[in-house]
Each structure stands twice: as C-alpha cells, then as structure tokens.
Amino acid sequence: MLNEIVTVAALLAAVVGIMWSYTHTWTKHHA
C-alpha cells in the first residue's frame, strides 16, 4: 500500500512538474 502511495505521489509530481514547465515555456515563448 505504501509503495502504491509513493508511486502515485511520484507520478503526480512528475505530471505537475512537466505541465508547469510546459506552460511556463509556452507562456515565455508567446509572451
């Protein structure tokens, strides 16, 4: 169970990080 929580947390962090980076880059590029 703890392993699943850690995996889900890592996936969420990765998705959020990728989305934030993509949005930040897109905004900077189209500013």
N, C-alpha and C. Protein backbone atom coordinates (compact mmCIF):
# COMPACT_ATOMS: atom_id res chain seq x y z
N MET A 1 0.84 -1.20 0.00
CA MET A 1 0.00 0.00 0.00
C MET A 1 0.88 1.25 0.00
N LEU A 2 1.89 1.24 0.87
CA LEU A 2 2.77 2.40 0.93
C LEU A 2 3.48 2.59 -0.40
N ASN A 3 3.84 1.46 -1.04
CA ASN A 3 4.52 1.53 -2.33
C ASN A 3 3.62 2.20 -3.37
N GLU A 4 2.33 1.86 -3.35
CA GLU A 4 1.40 2.45 -4.32
C GLU A 4 1.26 3.95 -4.09
N ILE A 5 1.20 4.35 -2.81
CA ILE A 5 1.08 5.77 -2.48
C ILE A 5 2.30 6.53 -2.98
N VAL A 6 3.48 5.96 -2.76
CA VAL A 6 4.71 6.61 -3.21
C VAL A 6 4.73 6.71 -4.73
N THR A 7 4.30 5.64 -5.41
CA THR A 7 4.28 5.65 -6.87
C THR A 7 3.32 6.70 -7.40
N VAL A 8 2.12 6.76 -6.82
CA VAL A 8 1.13 7.75 -7.26
C VAL A 8 1.64 9.16 -6.99
N ALA A 9 2.25 9.37 -5.83
CA ALA A 9 2.78 10.69 -5.50
C ALA A 9 3.87 11.09 -6.48
N ALA A 10 4.74 10.15 -6.84
CA ALA A 10 5.81 10.44 -7.78
C ALA A 10 5.24 10.77 -9.16
N LEU A 11 4.24 10.01 -9.59
CA LEU A 11 3.62 10.27 -10.89
C LEU A 11 2.95 11.63 -10.90
N LEU A 12 2.24 11.97 -9.82
CA LEU A 12 1.58 13.27 -9.73
C LEU A 12 2.62 14.39 -9.79
N ALA A 13 3.70 14.23 -9.04
CA ALA A 13 4.74 15.25 -9.02
C ALA A 13 5.35 15.41 -10.41
N ALA A 14 5.57 14.30 -11.11
CA ALA A 14 6.16 14.35 -12.44
C ALA A 14 5.21 15.04 -13.42
N VAL A 15 3.93 14.69 -13.36
CA VAL A 15 2.95 15.30 -14.27
C VAL A 15 2.83 16.79 -14.00
N VAL A 16 2.73 17.16 -12.73
CA VAL A 16 2.61 18.58 -12.37
C VAL A 16 3.87 19.33 -12.82
N GLY A 17 5.04 18.75 -12.59
CA GLY A 17 6.28 19.41 -12.99
C GLY A 17 6.36 19.59 -14.50
N ILE A 18 5.99 18.55 -15.24
CA ILE A 18 6.03 18.63 -16.71
C ILE A 18 5.03 19.68 -17.20
N MET A 19 3.82 19.65 -16.66
CA MET A 19 2.80 20.60 -17.08
C MET A 19 3.22 22.03 -16.77
N TRP A 20 3.77 22.26 -15.56
CA TRP A 20 4.20 23.60 -15.17
C TRP A 20 5.34 24.06 -16.09
N SER A 21 6.29 23.18 -16.34
CA SER A 21 7.42 23.54 -17.20
C SER A 21 6.93 23.85 -18.61
N TYR A 22 6.03 23.01 -19.14
CA TYR A 22 5.49 23.21 -20.49
C TYR A 22 4.73 24.52 -20.56
N THR A 23 3.88 24.79 -19.56
CA THR A 23 3.10 26.03 -19.56
C THR A 23 4.02 27.23 -19.43
N HIS A 24 5.03 27.14 -18.56
CA HIS A 24 5.95 28.26 -18.35
C HIS A 24 6.71 28.55 -19.64
N THR A 25 7.17 27.50 -20.31
CA THR A 25 7.92 27.68 -21.56
C THR A 25 7.02 28.26 -22.63
N TRP A 26 5.80 27.74 -22.74
CA TRP A 26 4.87 28.21 -23.76
C TRP A 26 4.54 29.68 -23.52
N THR A 27 4.30 30.05 -22.26
CA THR A 27 3.96 31.44 -21.94
C THR A 27 5.14 32.34 -22.27
N LYS A 28 6.34 31.90 -21.92
CA LYS A 28 7.52 32.72 -22.19
C LYS A 28 7.73 32.86 -23.70
N HIS A 29 7.47 31.80 -24.43
CA HIS A 29 7.70 31.82 -25.88
C HIS A 29 6.69 32.70 -26.59
N HIS A 30 5.47 32.76 -26.07
CA HIS A 30 4.41 33.53 -26.73
C HIS A 30 4.12 34.84 -26.01
N ALA A 31 5.03 35.26 -25.13
CA ALA A 31 4.81 36.49 -24.38
C ALA A 31 4.92 37.70 -25.31
